[in-house]
Protein backbone atom coordinates (compact mmCIF):
# COMPACT_ATOMS: atom_id res chain seq x y z
CA UNK A 1 4.55 -15.05 7.92
CA UNK A 2 7.32 -16.67 5.96
CA UNK A 3 8.44 -16.34 2.37
CA UNK A 4 9.20 -19.55 0.48
CA UNK A 5 9.65 -17.93 -2.94
CA UNK A 6 13.30 -18.47 -3.84
CA UNK A 7 13.01 -16.57 -7.13
CA UNK A 8 15.22 -13.52 -6.64
CA UNK A 9 15.24 -12.42 -10.29
CA UNK A 10 14.60 -8.72 -10.74
CA UNK A 11 12.72 -7.11 -13.59
CA UNK A 12 13.47 -3.59 -14.81
CA UNK A 13 11.61 -0.88 -12.93
CA UNK A 14 8.72 0.06 -15.27
CA UNK A 15 6.06 1.14 -12.87
CA UNK A 16 3.66 3.38 -14.75
CA UNK A 17 0.23 1.83 -15.24
CA UNK A 18 1.10 -1.80 -14.56
CA UNK A 19 -1.72 -4.25 -13.77
CA UNK A 20 -0.57 -7.00 -11.37
CA UNK A 21 -2.07 -10.37 -10.50
CA UNK A 22 -1.42 -12.18 -7.23
CA UNK A 23 0.03 -15.64 -6.87
CA UNK A 24 -2.15 -17.74 -4.56
CA UNK A 25 -0.67 -20.33 -2.22
CA UNK A 26 -1.68 -22.35 0.84
CA UNK A 27 -0.52 -21.20 4.28
CA UNK A 28 -2.55 -23.89 6.08
CA UNK A 29 -5.04 -26.43 4.68
CA UNK A 30 -7.81 -23.94 5.47
CA UNK A 31 -6.06 -20.65 4.66
CA UNK A 32 -5.19 -19.29 1.25
CA UNK A 33 -2.68 -16.48 0.78
CA UNK A 34 -2.58 -14.08 -2.16
CA UNK A 35 0.92 -12.65 -2.74
CA UNK A 36 1.09 -9.51 -4.85
CA UNK A 37 4.71 -8.64 -3.93
CA UNK A 38 7.33 -9.68 -4.83
CA UNK A 39 6.93 -10.98 -8.35
CA UNK A 40 9.08 -10.85 -11.47
CA UNK A 41 7.02 -8.01 -12.90
CA UNK A 42 7.33 -5.90 -9.75
CA UNK A 43 9.89 -6.58 -7.03
CA UNK A 44 9.22 -3.52 -4.87
CA UNK A 45 7.06 -0.46 -4.33
CA UNK A 46 9.12 2.12 -2.47
CA UNK A 47 10.55 0.16 0.48
CA UNK A 48 7.73 -2.41 0.36
CA UNK A 49 9.15 -5.73 -0.84
CA UNK A 50 6.46 -8.19 0.32
CA UNK A 51 2.65 -8.14 0.58
CA UNK A 52 0.68 -11.21 1.60
CA UNK A 53 -3.13 -11.09 1.87
CA UNK A 54 -4.55 -13.93 3.99
CA UNK A 55 -8.13 -15.00 4.68
CA UNK A 56 -10.91 -14.46 5.39
CA UNK A 57 -10.77 -17.78 7.26
CA UNK A 58 -13.65 -18.96 9.45
CA UNK A 59 -12.98 -18.89 13.22
CA UNK A 60 -13.26 -22.67 13.59
CA UNK A 61 -10.51 -23.11 11.00
CA UNK A 62 -7.97 -20.69 12.49
CA UNK A 63 -6.57 -23.12 15.07
CA UNK A 64 -4.26 -24.28 12.30
CA UNK A 65 -2.75 -20.78 12.12
CA UNK A 66 0.52 -21.41 13.91
CA UNK A 67 3.73 -20.02 12.39
CA UNK A 68 6.57 -21.28 14.64
CA UNK A 69 9.67 -19.19 15.48
CA UNK A 70 11.53 -18.05 12.39
CA UNK A 71 14.13 -15.35 11.69
CA UNK A 72 14.37 -12.07 9.79
CA UNK A 73 17.13 -9.63 8.89
CA UNK A 74 17.18 -6.34 6.97
CA UNK A 75 13.47 -5.52 7.10
CA UNK A 76 10.45 -4.40 9.05
CA UNK A 77 7.29 -6.51 9.20
CA UNK A 78 3.98 -4.67 9.43
CA UNK A 79 0.85 -6.68 10.27
CA UNK A 80 -2.65 -5.30 9.69
CA UNK A 81 -5.99 -7.03 10.30
CA UNK A 82 -9.49 -6.37 8.97
CA UNK A 83 -11.01 -8.98 11.29
CA UNK A 84 -9.92 -11.59 13.81
CA UNK A 85 -6.86 -11.48 16.05
CA UNK A 86 -3.30 -12.87 16.09
CA UNK A 87 -0.74 -13.25 18.88
CA UNK A 88 2.79 -12.00 18.16
CA UNK A 89 5.75 -13.44 20.14
CA UNK A 90 9.39 -12.48 19.59
CA UNK A 91 12.95 -12.90 20.81
CA UNK A 92 12.87 -9.47 22.47
CA UNK A 93 10.29 -10.84 24.89
CA UNK A 94 7.19 -9.14 23.46
CA UNK A 95 3.82 -10.87 23.60
CA UNK A 96 1.30 -8.72 21.77
CA UNK A 97 -2.18 -9.42 20.46
CA UNK A 98 -3.04 -7.71 17.19
CA UNK A 99 -6.63 -6.69 16.44
CA UNK A 100 -8.33 -4.72 13.64
CA UNK A 101 -7.32 -1.06 13.49
CA UNK A 102 -3.97 -1.72 15.17
CA UNK A 103 -0.43 -2.16 13.85
CA UNK A 104 2.36 -4.49 14.90
CA UNK A 105 5.66 -3.23 13.50
CA UNK A 106 8.75 -5.38 14.03
CA UNK A 107 12.19 -4.13 13.00
CA UNK A 108 14.51 -7.06 12.31
CA UNK A 109 17.71 -5.13 11.62
CA UNK A 110 20.73 -7.34 12.25
CA UNK A 111 18.56 -10.22 13.44
CA UNK A 112 15.37 -11.19 15.27
CA UNK A 113 13.06 -14.19 15.52
CA UNK A 114 9.32 -14.31 16.10
CA UNK A 115 6.21 -16.46 15.93
CA UNK A 116 2.59 -15.70 14.99
CA UNK A 117 -0.32 -17.87 16.03
CA UNK A 118 -3.81 -18.19 17.43
CA UNK A 119 -3.57 -20.28 20.63
CA UNK A 120 -6.14 -22.97 21.34
CA UNK A 121 -9.21 -21.52 23.01
CA UNK A 122 -8.25 -17.94 22.15
CA UNK A 123 -9.58 -17.60 18.62
CA UNK A 124 -11.76 -14.61 17.76
CA UNK A 125 -15.46 -14.96 16.98
CA UNK A 126 -14.69 -13.25 13.67
CA UNK A 127 -12.98 -14.60 10.56
CA UNK A 128 -9.23 -14.07 10.33
CA UNK A 129 -8.50 -11.60 7.54
CA UNK A 130 -5.56 -9.31 6.98
CA UNK A 131 -2.21 -8.60 5.39
CA UNK A 132 1.45 -8.69 6.24
CA UNK A 133 3.83 -6.23 4.65
CA UNK A 134 7.62 -6.20 4.63
CA UNK A 135 9.52 -2.94 4.30
CA UNK A 136 13.19 -3.20 3.37
CA UNK A 137 15.32 -1.14 5.69
CA UNK A 138 17.53 1.53 4.08
CA UNK A 139 20.90 0.00 3.17
CA UNK A 140 22.66 2.01 5.89
CA UNK A 141 20.21 0.74 8.54
CA UNK A 142 19.93 -2.93 7.61
CA UNK A 143 22.22 -3.86 10.49
CA UNK A 144 20.41 -1.77 13.11
CA UNK A 145 19.26 -3.07 16.49
CA UNK A 146 15.98 -5.03 16.43
CA UNK A 147 12.83 -3.40 17.84
CA UNK A 148 9.08 -3.84 18.19
CA UNK A 149 6.23 -1.29 18.31
CA UNK A 150 2.49 -1.70 18.75
CA UNK A 151 0.22 1.19 17.75
CA UNK A 152 -3.51 1.11 18.52
CA UNK A 153 -4.64 4.60 17.50
CA UNK A 154 -4.48 5.63 13.86
CA UNK A 155 -5.91 8.62 11.93
CA UNK A 156 -9.17 8.29 9.99
CA UNK A 157 -9.16 9.37 6.35
CA UNK A 158 -11.78 10.01 3.67
CA UNK A 159 -11.51 10.27 -0.10
CA UNK A 160 -14.90 10.84 -1.68
CA UNK A 161 -17.10 7.84 -0.90
CA UNK A 162 -14.22 5.79 0.50
CA UNK A 163 -13.33 5.87 4.19
CA UNK A 164 -10.50 4.23 6.08
CA UNK A 165 -7.37 4.60 8.17
CA UNK A 166 -3.87 5.90 7.62
CA UNK A 167 -1.63 3.01 8.63
CA UNK A 168 1.80 4.45 7.94
CA UNK A 169 3.24 7.78 6.85
CA UNK A 170 1.56 11.07 6.02
CA UNK A 171 -1.49 12.11 3.96
CA UNK A 172 -2.29 15.82 3.82
CA UNK A 173 -2.67 16.95 7.43
CA UNK A 174 -2.88 13.36 8.74
CA UNK A 175 0.16 11.67 10.24
CA UNK A 176 0.43 8.09 11.50
CA UNK A 177 2.41 7.48 14.68
CA UNK A 178 3.81 4.23 13.26
CA UNK A 179 7.56 4.93 12.89
CA UNK A 180 9.11 4.76 9.42
CA UNK A 181 12.72 4.38 8.31
CA UNK A 182 12.11 5.42 4.66
CA UNK A 183 9.69 7.85 3.00
CA UNK A 184 6.57 5.67 2.72
CA UNK A 185 2.80 5.56 3.15
CA UNK A 186 0.17 2.86 3.63
CA UNK A 187 -3.58 3.35 3.97
CA UNK A 188 -6.75 1.30 3.96
CA UNK A 189 -9.98 2.38 2.22
CA UNK A 190 -13.44 0.81 2.16
CA UNK A 191 -16.67 1.52 0.30
CA UNK A 192 -19.54 -0.97 0.43
CA UNK A 193 -22.62 -0.37 -1.71
CA UNK A 194 -24.39 -1.74 -4.75
CA UNK A 195 -23.71 1.56 -6.52
CA UNK A 196 -20.09 2.40 -7.45
CA UNK A 197 -18.32 4.88 -5.23
CA UNK A 198 -15.92 7.61 -6.35
CA UNK A 199 -12.60 8.79 -4.96
CA UNK A 200 -10.01 11.37 -6.01
CA UNK A 201 -6.91 10.35 -4.08
CA UNK A 202 -4.02 12.72 -3.53
CA UNK A 203 -0.56 11.33 -4.25
CA UNK A 204 2.99 12.35 -3.45
CA UNK A 205 4.64 12.93 -6.86
CA UNK A 206 7.92 11.60 -5.47
CA UNK A 207 6.33 8.22 -4.65
CA UNK A 208 5.44 5.14 -6.61
CA UNK A 209 2.23 3.38 -5.50
CA UNK A 210 0.46 0.03 -5.49
CA UNK A 211 -3.35 0.02 -5.35
CA UNK A 212 -4.24 -3.46 -4.09
CA UNK A 213 -7.86 -4.68 -4.20
CA UNK A 214 -8.57 -6.89 -1.19
CA UNK A 215 -12.27 -7.22 -2.11
CA UNK A 216 -14.61 -5.87 -4.79
CA UNK A 217 -13.30 -4.19 -7.91
CA UNK A 218 -12.30 -0.73 -9.09
CA UNK A 219 -11.82 1.18 -12.31
CA UNK A 220 -8.91 3.61 -12.43
CA UNK A 221 -9.20 6.64 -14.68
CA UNK A 222 -6.94 6.22 -17.70
CA UNK A 223 -6.72 2.42 -17.41
CA UNK A 224 -8.75 0.10 -19.61
CA UNK A 225 -10.58 -2.60 -17.69
CA UNK A 226 -11.25 -3.30 -14.03
CA UNK A 227 -8.87 -4.17 -11.21
CA UNK A 228 -10.44 -7.10 -9.37
CA UNK A 229 -9.95 -8.85 -6.06
CA UNK A 230 -6.35 -10.00 -5.41
CA UNK A 231 -5.14 -7.72 -8.19
CA UNK A 232 -3.17 -4.49 -8.08
CA UNK A 233 -2.36 -1.42 -10.11
CA UNK A 234 1.02 0.32 -10.01
CA UNK A 235 1.44 4.06 -10.47
CA UNK A 236 4.91 5.50 -10.95
CA UNK A 237 6.29 8.78 -9.63
CA UNK A 238 5.14 12.07 -11.08
CA UNK A 239 1.40 12.00 -10.40
CA UNK A 240 -0.35 14.20 -7.86
CA UNK A 241 -3.68 12.37 -7.81
CA UNK A 242 -5.56 9.36 -9.10
CA UNK A 243 -9.30 9.03 -9.72
CA UNK A 244 -11.08 5.73 -9.24
CA UNK A 245 -14.60 4.33 -9.11
CA UNK A 246 -15.90 1.05 -7.74
CA UNK A 247 -16.56 -0.64 -4.44
CA UNK A 248 -14.77 -2.85 -1.96
CA UNK A 249 -11.65 -2.66 0.16
CA UNK A 250 -8.35 -1.20 -1.02
CA UNK A 251 -4.89 -1.22 0.47
CA UNK A 252 -2.63 1.48 -0.96
CA UNK A 253 1.11 1.46 -0.31
CA UNK A 254 3.75 3.78 -1.69
CA UNK A 255 7.14 5.30 -1.21
CA UNK A 256 10.24 6.75 -2.79
CA UNK A 257 11.69 4.25 -5.26
CA UNK A 258 14.42 2.23 -3.57
CA UNK A 259 17.99 2.93 -4.79
CA UNK A 260 18.17 -0.62 -6.16
CA UNK A 261 16.07 -3.77 -5.73
CA UNK A 262 16.91 -5.72 -2.59
CA UNK A 263 17.87 -9.37 -2.53
CA UNK A 264 15.52 -11.81 -0.79
CA UNK A 265 15.94 -15.39 0.36
CA UNK A 266 13.38 -17.12 2.62
CA UNK A 267 12.77 -14.57 5.41
CA UNK A 268 15.91 -12.53 4.86
CA UNK A 269 16.39 -9.22 3.05
CA UNK A 270 19.79 -7.77 2.14
CA UNK A 271 21.59 -5.84 -0.56
CA UNK A 272 23.87 -8.76 -1.53
CA UNK A 273 23.63 -12.52 -1.80
CA UNK A 274 26.50 -13.18 0.59
CA UNK A 275 24.56 -11.59 3.46
CA UNK A 276 21.57 -13.82 2.69
CA UNK A 277 23.69 -16.95 2.60
CA UNK A 278 25.35 -15.99 5.87
CA UNK A 279 22.01 -15.31 7.58
CA UNK A 280 20.65 -18.71 6.57
CA UNK A 281 23.76 -20.47 7.87
CA UNK A 282 23.75 -18.50 11.14
CA UNK A 283 20.09 -19.20 11.84
CA UNK A 284 20.50 -22.93 11.29
CA UNK A 285 23.58 -22.82 13.52
CA UNK A 286 21.50 -21.18 16.32
CA UNK A 287 23.51 -17.94 16.24
CA UNK A 288 22.80 -15.81 19.30
CA UNK A 289 21.97 -12.68 17.28
CA UNK A 290 18.53 -14.13 16.45
CA UNK A 291 17.72 -14.85 20.10
CA UNK A 292 14.95 -17.30 20.93
CA UNK A 293 11.18 -17.05 21.32
CA UNK A 294 10.97 -18.46 24.83
CA UNK A 295 7.21 -18.02 25.20
CA UNK A 296 6.28 -20.01 22.08
CA UNK A 297 6.03 -23.35 23.92
CA UNK A 298 3.43 -21.81 26.22
CA UNK A 299 1.10 -21.20 23.27
CA UNK A 300 2.15 -23.13 20.16
CA UNK A 301 2.24 -26.77 19.07
CA UNK A 302 4.65 -26.51 16.15
CA UNK A 303 8.39 -27.16 16.02
CA UNK A 304 10.56 -25.05 18.35
CA UNK A 305 11.95 -23.25 15.31
CA UNK A 306 11.70 -23.46 11.53
CA UNK A 307 14.79 -24.45 9.55
CA UNK A 308 16.08 -22.20 6.79
CA UNK A 309 16.37 -23.66 3.31
CA UNK A 310 20.00 -24.15 2.31
CA UNK A 311 21.59 -21.68 -0.06
CA UNK A 312 22.26 -23.33 -3.43
């Protein structure tokens, strides 16, 4: 995925009980994307600085899903699917299909490039539906070596009527094998029924959280009104649990509040604007630190690489 939001303004961190609404945009003519992070009202949740929810898109429309090679610095991308499949290609030489219940985690560090697509004739029989998350690397690790991990076995979790998987981090006696660089958690919960379900979810009091509704709607104890599809609810540090009722699919992410909001420009994350400007210039100048996605031409029909917007 790529980020075309150039708005880097940061709002004060006021996280307790905030109701968020996504901004919807078009990734392809057939695919809509709901972006809940970042926005002026909420730049980050723990290390999470980006959350795009895409689909569901019918299988016959997913041939247009082709994101050509593009760069990243200063972050980790985490891709998670509820249905369908996507092929990941990167400058480290990895070619990895992602399917539901699995995680692709790419660490950009000082620089990497990658592509995501569904090659012709390889689309799944199921609709494409999922999310991509970006986690800002700790300031002292933003210039680390790039890496890629694929994890295909994750712990199951249950809270009341809601069941799901622990994607990242630790919940009670459950621990995900997806490596983390900062204290963080991400988990997926689902309850499908005509009658509302109930869940009492344990929280880490040191974390702030985003409860994102991918489908259905929920009511959170202590909050007036419902949280509907493509909406989120932010809970600040200090709480040990949260009680909710409703039905549908939830994605919950959380972590220790970041020392200060990161800066973002296109697909780059850094602690200062000069690093962002430099990354954009280096990518457009074909700097070797980003490598090249040699296998993209074997699968994709787009340009050999995307061009970074210029820094104004």
